[in-house]
Amino acid sequence: MQTKMEEITAKVLGALESIRPFLNKDGGDIELIDIKDHKVYVKLQGNCNGCPMSFSTMKLGVENTIKQFAPEISEVISVE
């Protein structure tokens, strides 16, 4: 039986897998760094790292998708 944290992690990973093809198309990727206190920490990679649109990608794409998969997540934070 999964713990609550394992359940949330599985939901977040599912969300990231659904986003990954769109990032890959533009030469980028995303990595899950940590989940702590209902916040998800991710790192944008490849062309997405440092892209002028990365803030929009994070808030409009990644954060919204993760919250759809895992409503218990309050925020997604990009780390370097």
PDB file of N, CA and C in Angstrom:
ATOM      1  N   MET A   1       0.830  -1.189   0.000  1.00  0.00           N
ATOM      2  CA  MET A   1       0.000   0.000   0.000  1.00  0.00           C
ATOM      3  C   MET A   1       0.877   1.256   0.000  1.00  0.00           C
ATOM      4  N   GLN A   2       0.544   2.200  -0.882  1.00  0.00           N
ATOM      5  CA  GLN A   2       1.338   3.417  -1.016  1.00  0.00           C
ATOM      6  C   GLN A   2       1.053   4.392   0.126  1.00  0.00           C
ATOM      7  N   THR A   3       2.116   5.101   0.521  1.00  0.00           N
ATOM      8  CA  THR A   3       1.919   6.186   1.476  1.00  0.00           C
ATOM      9  C   THR A   3       1.346   7.389   0.726  1.00  0.00           C
ATOM     10  N   LYS A   4       0.861   8.357   1.461  1.00  0.00           N
ATOM     11  CA  LYS A   4       0.313   9.572   0.847  1.00  0.00           C
ATOM     12  C   LYS A   4       1.374  10.263  -0.010  1.00  0.00           C
ATOM     13  N   MET A   5       2.617  10.312   0.484  1.00  0.00           N
ATOM     14  CA  MET A   5       3.695  10.966  -0.267  1.00  0.00           C
ATOM     15  C   MET A   5       3.999  10.215  -1.566  1.00  0.00           C
ATOM     16  N   GLU A   6       3.999   8.900  -1.508  1.00  0.00           N
ATOM     17  CA  GLU A   6       4.229   8.102  -2.720  1.00  0.00           C
ATOM     18  C   GLU A   6       3.109   8.333  -3.728  1.00  0.00           C
ATOM     19  N   GLU A   7       1.897   8.471  -3.231  1.00  0.00           N
ATOM     20  CA  GLU A   7       0.743   8.732  -4.085  1.00  0.00           C
ATOM     21  C   GLU A   7       0.880  10.091  -4.796  1.00  0.00           C
ATOM     22  N   ILE A   8       1.246  11.104  -4.034  1.00  0.00           N
ATOM     23  CA  ILE A   8       1.431  12.452  -4.607  1.00  0.00           C
ATOM     24  C   ILE A   8       2.569  12.437  -5.619  1.00  0.00           C
ATOM     25  N   THR A   9       3.670  11.775  -5.273  1.00  0.00           N
ATOM     26  CA  THR A   9       4.820  11.697  -6.178  1.00  0.00           C
ATOM     27  C   THR A   9       4.426  11.029  -7.492  1.00  0.00           C
ATOM     28  N   ALA A  10       3.659   9.967  -7.415  1.00  0.00           N
ATOM     29  CA  ALA A  10       3.211   9.266  -8.625  1.00  0.00           C
ATOM     30  C   ALA A  10       2.343  10.184  -9.486  1.00  0.00           C
ATOM     31  N   LYS A  11       1.469  10.960  -8.856  1.00  0.00           N
ATOM     32  CA  LYS A  11       0.628  11.901  -9.609  1.00  0.00           C
ATOM     33  C   LYS A  11       1.475  12.972 -10.291  1.00  0.00           C
ATOM     34  N   VAL A  12       2.454  13.501  -9.558  1.00  0.00           N
ATOM     35  CA  VAL A  12       3.324  14.548 -10.111  1.00  0.00           C
ATOM     36  C   VAL A  12       4.139  13.996 -11.274  1.00  0.00           C
ATOM     37  N   LEU A  13       4.688  12.799 -11.115  1.00  0.00           N
ATOM     38  CA  LEU A  13       5.456  12.188 -12.200  1.00  0.00           C
ATOM     39  C   LEU A  13       4.582  11.944 -13.421  1.00  0.00           C
ATOM     40  N   GLY A  14       3.335  11.558 -13.215  1.00  0.00           N
ATOM     41  CA  GLY A  14       2.395  11.389 -14.331  1.00  0.00           C
ATOM     42  C   GLY A  14       2.147  12.701 -15.046  1.00  0.00           C
ATOM     43  N   ALA A  15       2.018  13.772 -14.276  1.00  0.00           N
ATOM     44  CA  ALA A  15       1.822  15.099 -14.873  1.00  0.00           C
ATOM     45  C   ALA A  15       3.037  15.499 -15.697  1.00  0.00           C
ATOM     46  N   LEU A  16       4.226  15.260 -15.157  1.00  0.00           N
ATOM     47  CA  LEU A  16       5.451  15.620 -15.879  1.00  0.00           C
ATOM     48  C   LEU A  16       5.585  14.817 -17.167  1.00  0.00           C
ATOM     49  N   GLU A  17       5.190  13.549 -17.128  1.00  0.00           N
ATOM     50  CA  GLU A  17       5.243  12.725 -18.346  1.00  0.00           C
ATOM     51  C   GLU A  17       4.287  13.261 -19.412  1.00  0.00           C
ATOM     52  N   SER A  18       3.161  13.826 -18.994  1.00  0.00           N
ATOM     53  CA  SER A  18       2.207  14.375 -19.966  1.00  0.00           C
ATOM     54  C   SER A  18       2.725  15.686 -20.568  1.00  0.00           C
ATOM     55  N   ILE A  19       3.571  16.393 -19.851  1.00  0.00           N
ATOM     56  CA  ILE A  19       4.139  17.671 -20.300  1.00  0.00           C
ATOM     57  C   ILE A  19       5.391  17.464 -21.152  1.00  0.00           C
ATOM     58  N   ARG A  20       6.143  16.430 -20.812  1.00  0.00           N
ATOM     59  CA  ARG A  20       7.465  16.197 -21.415  1.00  0.00           C
ATOM     60  C   ARG A  20       7.472  16.262 -22.954  1.00  0.00           C
ATOM     61  N   PRO A  21       6.513  15.664 -23.675  1.00  0.00           N
ATOM     62  CA  PRO A  21       6.569  15.728 -25.150  1.00  0.00           C
ATOM     63  C   PRO A  21       6.549  17.161 -25.699  1.00  0.00           C
ATOM     64  N   PHE A  22       5.828  18.053 -25.036  1.00  0.00           N
ATOM     65  CA  PHE A  22       5.771  19.445 -25.492  1.00  0.00           C
ATOM     66  C   PHE A  22       7.111  20.141 -25.271  1.00  0.00           C
ATOM     67  N   LEU A  23       7.758  19.843 -24.152  1.00  0.00           N
ATOM     68  CA  LEU A  23       9.068  20.425 -23.876  1.00  0.00           C
ATOM     69  C   LEU A  23      10.121  19.838 -24.804  1.00  0.00           C
ATOM     70  N   ASN A  24      10.052  18.516 -25.029  1.00  0.00           N
ATOM     71  CA  ASN A  24      11.007  17.845 -25.916  1.00  0.00           C
ATOM     72  C   ASN A  24      10.940  18.393 -27.330  1.00  0.00           C
ATOM     73  N   LYS A  25       9.733  18.742 -27.759  1.00  0.00           N
ATOM     74  CA  LYS A  25       9.535  19.267 -29.110  1.00  0.00           C
ATOM     75  C   LYS A  25      10.366  20.541 -29.329  1.00  0.00           C
ATOM     76  N   ASP A  26      10.540  21.312 -28.263  1.00  0.00           N
ATOM     77  CA  ASP A  26      11.316  22.554 -28.347  1.00  0.00           C
ATOM     78  C   ASP A  26      12.752  22.370 -27.862  1.00  0.00           C
ATOM     79  N   GLY A  27      13.185  21.123 -27.702  1.00  0.00           N
ATOM     80  CA  GLY A  27      14.561  20.845 -27.295  1.00  0.00           C
ATOM     81  C   GLY A  27      14.789  20.955 -25.798  1.00  0.00           C
ATOM     82  N   GLY A  28      13.721  20.844 -25.023  1.00  0.00           N
ATOM     83  CA  GLY A  28      13.856  20.962 -23.578  1.00  0.00           C
ATOM     84  C   GLY A  28      13.382  19.721 -22.860  1.00  0.00           C
ATOM     85  N   ASP A  29      13.449  19.785 -21.548  1.00  0.00           N
ATOM     86  CA  ASP A  29      12.979  18.690 -20.705  1.00  0.00           C
ATOM     87  C   ASP A  29      12.738  19.245 -19.307  1.00  0.00           C
ATOM     88  N   ILE A  30      12.265  18.400 -18.415  1.00  0.00           N
ATOM     89  CA  ILE A  30      11.990  18.807 -17.040  1.00  0.00           C
ATOM     90  C   ILE A  30      12.344  17.661 -16.111  1.00  0.00           C
ATOM     91  N   GLU A  31      12.880  18.011 -14.945  1.00  0.00           N
ATOM     92  CA  GLU A  31      13.287  17.017 -13.959  1.00  0.00           C
ATOM     93  C   GLU A  31      12.644  17.353 -12.617  1.00  0.00           C
ATOM     94  N   LEU A  32      12.086  16.353 -11.971  1.00  0.00           N
ATOM     95  CA  LEU A  32      11.543  16.524 -10.626  1.00  0.00           C
ATOM     96  C   LEU A  32      12.708  16.510  -9.645  1.00  0.00           C
ATOM     97  N   ILE A  33      12.826  17.568  -8.854  1.00  0.00           N
ATOM     98  CA  ILE A  33      13.892  17.658  -7.864  1.00  0.00           C
ATOM     99  C   ILE A  33      13.399  17.215  -6.491  1.00  0.00           C
ATOM    100  N   ASP A  34      12.241  17.727  -6.069  1.00  0.00           N
ATOM    101  CA  ASP A  34      11.738  17.413  -4.738  1.00  0.00           C
ATOM    102  C   ASP A  34      10.271  17.790  -4.624  1.00  0.00           C
ATOM    103  N   ILE A  35       9.611  17.217  -3.645  1.00  0.00           N
ATOM    104  CA  ILE A  35       8.254  17.620  -3.259  1.00  0.00           C
ATOM    105  C   ILE A  35       8.308  17.806  -1.751  1.00  0.00           C
ATOM    106  N   LYS A  36       7.976  19.010  -1.306  1.00  0.00           N
ATOM    107  CA  LYS A  36       8.071  19.310   0.121  1.00  0.00           C
ATOM    108  C   LYS A  36       7.018  20.335   0.487  1.00  0.00           C
ATOM    109  N   ASP A  37       6.276  20.074   1.554  1.00  0.00           N
ATOM    110  CA  ASP A  37       5.259  21.008   2.054  1.00  0.00           C
ATOM    111  C   ASP A  37       4.268  21.422   0.963  1.00  0.00           C
ATOM    112  N   HIS A  38       3.809  20.455   0.173  1.00  0.00           N
ATOM    113  CA  HIS A  38       2.839  20.678  -0.904  1.00  0.00           C
ATOM    114  C   HIS A  38       3.381  21.574  -2.020  1.00  0.00           C
ATOM    115  N   LYS A  39       4.692  21.656  -2.132  1.00  0.00           N
ATOM    116  CA  LYS A  39       5.340  22.405  -3.216  1.00  0.00           C
ATOM    117  C   LYS A  39       6.206  21.444  -4.009  1.00  0.00           C
ATOM    118  N   VAL A  40       6.167  21.613  -5.324  1.00  0.00           N
ATOM    119  CA  VAL A  40       6.961  20.777  -6.215  1.00  0.00           C
ATOM    120  C   VAL A  40       8.124  21.614  -6.738  1.00  0.00           C
ATOM    121  N   TYR A  41       9.316  21.053  -6.647  1.00  0.00           N
ATOM    122  CA  TYR A  41      10.522  21.717  -7.141  1.00  0.00           C
ATOM    123  C   TYR A  41      10.993  20.967  -8.378  1.00  0.00           C
ATOM    124  N   VAL A  42      11.097  21.695  -9.492  1.00  0.00           N
ATOM    125  CA  VAL A  42      11.512  21.097 -10.759  1.00  0.00           C
ATOM    126  C   VAL A  42      12.638  21.909 -11.368  1.00  0.00           C
ATOM    127  N   LYS A  43      13.332  21.279 -12.303  1.00  0.00           N
ATOM    128  CA  LYS A  43      14.398  21.966 -13.030  1.00  0.00           C
ATOM    129  C   LYS A  43      14.127  21.825 -14.522  1.00  0.00           C
ATOM    130  N   LEU A  44      14.022  22.967 -15.190  1.00  0.00           N
ATOM    131  CA  LEU A  44      13.891  22.956 -16.649  1.00  0.00           C
ATOM    132  C   LEU A  44      15.265  22.703 -17.238  1.00  0.00           C
ATOM    133  N   GLN A  45      15.309  21.880 -18.293  1.00  0.00           N
ATOM    134  CA  GLN A  45      16.582  21.499 -18.897  1.00  0.00           C
ATOM    135  C   GLN A  45      16.589  21.792 -20.388  1.00  0.00           C
ATOM    136  N   GLY A  46      17.777  21.712 -20.969  1.00  0.00           N
ATOM    137  CA  GLY A  46      17.926  21.923 -22.404  1.00  0.00           C
ATOM    138  C   GLY A  46      17.543  23.337 -22.797  1.00  0.00           C
ATOM    139  N   ASN A  47      16.857  23.475 -23.925  1.00  0.00           N
ATOM    140  CA  ASN A  47      16.460  24.798 -24.417  1.00  0.00           C
ATOM    141  C   ASN A  47      15.506  25.523 -23.484  1.00  0.00           C
ATOM    142  N   CYS A  48      14.820  24.788 -22.613  1.00  0.00           N
ATOM    143  CA  CYS A  48      13.872  25.420 -21.684  1.00  0.00           C
ATOM    144  C   CYS A  48      14.583  26.173 -20.574  1.00  0.00           C
ATOM    145  N   ASN A  49      15.788  25.753 -20.229  1.00  0.00           N
ATOM    146  CA  ASN A  49      16.552  26.409 -19.177  1.00  0.00           C
ATOM    147  C   ASN A  49      17.055  27.762 -19.693  1.00  0.00           C
ATOM    148  N   GLY A  50      16.556  28.837 -19.114  1.00  0.00           N
ATOM    149  CA  GLY A  50      16.985  30.171 -19.523  1.00  0.00           C
ATOM    150  C   GLY A  50      16.168  30.762 -20.663  1.00  0.00           C
ATOM    151  N   CYS A  51      15.206  30.028 -21.171  1.00  0.00           N
ATOM    152  CA  CYS A  51      14.357  30.538 -22.249  1.00  0.00           C
ATOM    153  C   CYS A  51      13.520  31.705 -21.721  1.00  0.00           C
ATOM    154  N   PRO A  52      13.342  32.761 -22.530  1.00  0.00           N
ATOM    155  CA  PRO A  52      12.526  33.892 -22.087  1.00  0.00           C
ATOM    156  C   PRO A  52      11.076  33.500 -21.753  1.00  0.00           C
ATOM    157  N   MET A  53      10.601  32.410 -22.304  1.00  0.00           N
ATOM    158  CA  MET A  53       9.223  31.964 -22.053  1.00  0.00           C
ATOM    159  C   MET A  53       9.136  30.982 -20.883  1.00  0.00           C
ATOM    160  N   SER A  54      10.250  30.709 -20.215  1.00  0.00           N
ATOM    161  CA  SER A  54      10.242  29.673 -19.174  1.00  0.00           C
ATOM    162  C   SER A  54       9.311  30.002 -18.009  1.00  0.00           C
ATOM    163  N   PHE A  55       9.165  31.271 -17.645  1.00  0.00           N
ATOM    164  CA  PHE A  55       8.246  31.621 -16.558  1.00  0.00           C
ATOM    165  C   PHE A  55       6.818  31.267 -16.949  1.00  0.00           C
ATOM    166  N   SER A  56       6.425  31.614 -18.170  1.00  0.00           N
ATOM    167  CA  SER A  56       5.081  31.272 -18.651  1.00  0.00           C
ATOM    168  C   SER A  56       4.902  29.759 -18.737  1.00  0.00           C
ATOM    169  N   THR A  57       5.930  29.083 -19.220  1.00  0.00           N
ATOM    170  CA  THR A  57       5.876  27.622 -19.302  1.00  0.00           C
ATOM    171  C   THR A  57       5.641  27.035 -17.918  1.00  0.00           C
ATOM    172  N   MET A  58       6.358  27.552 -16.923  1.00  0.00           N
ATOM    173  CA  MET A  58       6.234  27.037 -15.557  1.00  0.00           C
ATOM    174  C   MET A  58       4.842  27.277 -14.994  1.00  0.00           C
ATOM    175  N   LYS A  59       4.366  28.519 -15.053  1.00  0.00           N
ATOM    176  CA  LYS A  59       3.104  28.863 -14.399  1.00  0.00           C
ATOM    177  C   LYS A  59       1.888  28.380 -15.186  1.00  0.00           C
ATOM    178  N   LEU A  60       1.879  28.592 -16.483  1.00  0.00           N
ATOM    179  CA  LEU A  60       0.703  28.259 -17.285  1.00  0.00           C
ATOM    180  C   LEU A  60       0.666  26.796 -17.701  1.00  0.00           C
ATOM    181  N   GLY A  61       1.823  26.227 -17.950  1.00  0.00           N
ATOM    182  CA  GLY A  61       1.858  24.846 -18.411  1.00  0.00           C
ATOM    183  C   GLY A  61       2.101  23.856 -17.296  1.00  0.00           C
ATOM    184  N   VAL A  62       3.280  23.921 -16.715  1.00  0.00           N
ATOM    185  CA  VAL A  62       3.698  22.921 -15.735  1.00  0.00           C
ATOM    186  C   VAL A  62       2.850  22.987 -14.461  1.00  0.00           C
ATOM    187  N   GLU A  63       2.745  24.170 -13.856  1.00  0.00           N
ATOM    188  CA  GLU A  63       2.010  24.275 -12.594  1.00  0.00           C
ATOM    189  C   GLU A  63       0.539  23.896 -12.745  1.00  0.00           C
ATOM    190  N   ASN A  64      -0.104  24.400 -13.786  1.00  0.00           N
ATOM    191  CA  ASN A  64      -1.523  24.069 -13.987  1.00  0.00           C
ATOM    192  C   ASN A  64      -1.733  22.576 -14.206  1.00  0.00           C
ATOM    193  N   THR A  65      -0.850  21.961 -14.978  1.00  0.00           N
ATOM    194  CA  THR A  65      -0.982  20.525 -15.249  1.00  0.00           C
ATOM    195  C   THR A  65      -0.761  19.711 -13.979  1.00  0.00           C
ATOM    196  N   ILE A  66       0.271  20.050 -13.224  1.00  0.00           N
ATOM    197  CA  ILE A  66       0.536  19.320 -11.983  1.00  0.00           C
ATOM    198  C   ILE A  66      -0.636  19.460 -11.022  1.00  0.00           C
ATOM    199  N   LYS A  67      -1.203  20.653 -10.920  1.00  0.00           N
ATOM    200  CA  LYS A  67      -2.346  20.867 -10.014  1.00  0.00           C
ATOM    201  C   LYS A  67      -3.581  20.085 -10.474  1.00  0.00           C
ATOM    202  N   GLN A  68      -3.720  19.872 -11.777  1.00  0.00           N
ATOM    203  CA  GLN A  68      -4.834  19.056 -12.278  1.00  0.00           C
ATOM    204  C   GLN A  68      -4.646  17.597 -11.855  1.00  0.00           C
ATOM    205  N   PHE A  69      -3.426  17.092 -11.964  1.00  0.00           N
ATOM    206  CA  PHE A  69      -3.123  15.708 -11.591  1.00  0.00           C
ATOM    207  C   PHE A  69      -3.104  15.528 -10.071  1.00  0.00           C
ATOM    208  N   ALA A  70      -2.583  16.548  -9.362  1.00  0.00           N
ATOM    209  CA  ALA A  70      -2.408  16.459  -7.908  1.00  0.00           C
ATOM    210  C   ALA A  70      -2.895  17.758  -7.259  1.00  0.00           C
ATOM    211  N   PRO A  71      -4.198  17.873  -7.009  1.00  0.00           N
ATOM    212  CA  PRO A  71      -4.766  19.115  -6.458  1.00  0.00           C
ATOM    213  C   PRO A  71      -4.175  19.521  -5.109  1.00  0.00           C
ATOM    214  N   GLU A  72      -3.545  18.575  -4.406  1.00  0.00           N
ATOM    215  CA  GLU A  72      -2.957  18.917  -3.114  1.00  0.00           C
ATOM    216  C   GLU A  72      -1.690  19.762  -3.227  1.00  0.00           C
ATOM    217  N   ILE A  73      -1.164  19.902  -4.443  1.00  0.00           N
ATOM    218  CA  ILE A  73       0.038  20.723  -4.671  1.00  0.00           C
ATOM    219  C   ILE A  73      -0.388  22.188  -4.723  1.00  0.00           C
ATOM    220  N   SER A  74       0.334  23.031  -3.976  1.00  0.00           N
ATOM    221  CA  SER A  74      -0.017  24.453  -3.909  1.00  0.00           C
ATOM    222  C   SER A  74       0.794  25.305  -4.880  1.00  0.00           C
ATOM    223  N   GLU A  75       2.016  24.852  -5.202  1.00  0.00           N
ATOM    224  CA  GLU A  75       2.887  25.681  -6.033  1.00  0.00           C
ATOM    225  C   GLU A  75       3.965  24.818  -6.675  1.00  0.00           C
ATOM    226  N   VAL A  76       4.420  25.260  -7.847  1.00  0.00           N
ATOM    227  CA  VAL A  76       5.545  24.618  -8.526  1.00  0.00           C
ATOM    228  C   VAL A  76       6.647  25.664  -8.632  1.00  0.00           C
ATOM    229  N   ILE A  77       7.832  25.281  -8.193  1.00  0.00           N
ATOM    230  CA  ILE A  77       8.961  26.209  -8.141  1.00  0.00           C
ATOM    231  C   ILE A  77      10.086  25.665  -9.016  1.00  0.00           C
ATOM    232  N   SER A  78      10.615  26.540  -9.864  1.00  0.00           N
ATOM    233  CA  SER A  78      11.731  26.173 -10.720  1.00  0.00           C
ATOM    234  C   SER A  78      13.031  26.451  -9.991  1.00  0.00           C
ATOM    235  N   VAL A  79      13.917  25.464  -9.969  1.00  0.00           N
ATOM    236  CA  VAL A  79      15.230  25.625  -9.353  1.00  0.00           C
ATOM    237  C   VAL A  79      16.301  25.567 -10.431  1.00  0.00           C
ATOM    238  N   GLU A  80      17.419  26.156 -10.136  1.00  0.00           N
ATOM    239  CA  GLU A  80      18.539  26.161 -11.107  1.00  0.00           C
ATOM    240  C   GLU A  80      19.401  24.946 -10.973  1.00  0.00           C
TER     241      GLU A  80
END
